[in-house]
Amino acid sequence: MTQMTKYLTGAVLLGALALTGSSLANAQPAPKPGSQCFYANDWQSWKAVDDHTMYVRVGMHRVFRLDFASSCHSMTWPDVHLVTVFRGSSSVCSPLDIDLKVSDGHGIAEPCIVSGLTELTPDQIAALPKKSLP
């Protein structure tokens, strides 16, 4: 190899390592088992308890309570659906990661500002009334 070829090969390798390192540094970690995080696509179903609280089933065995900053009146109406946008990565770890609106499909969707996100323990899930389970 000529000196120039060695130099170019080294520069290409350094560039590739720098790109790999920066992409690893910017990569978002996956939710850890036992953490309060979950993946947005694991959200299975939901059930409003009242206009300030709803429960969300995540996967098969996890349930989260979402608390709202103010009343979300249409949450308890029949035949409403959620219009949900997840901010940032696909991991949901805080209320700021969820942009939630409720719509009856005929008007403007009502924003429901999530102020609390709490994973329930298995004992708390078992203690919920059946009508509150998502």
Foldseek 3Di string as FASTA:
>chain_A
DDPVVVVVVVVVVVVVVVVVVVVVVPDDDDDDVPALKDFQVQFDDKAAPAQFWIWTDGHDQKIKIWGFPDGQHCRPPPQKDKDWDAPDDRMDHFQVRIFIWIGNPPDDTHTTRTHGIGIDDNVRQVPDDPNRDD
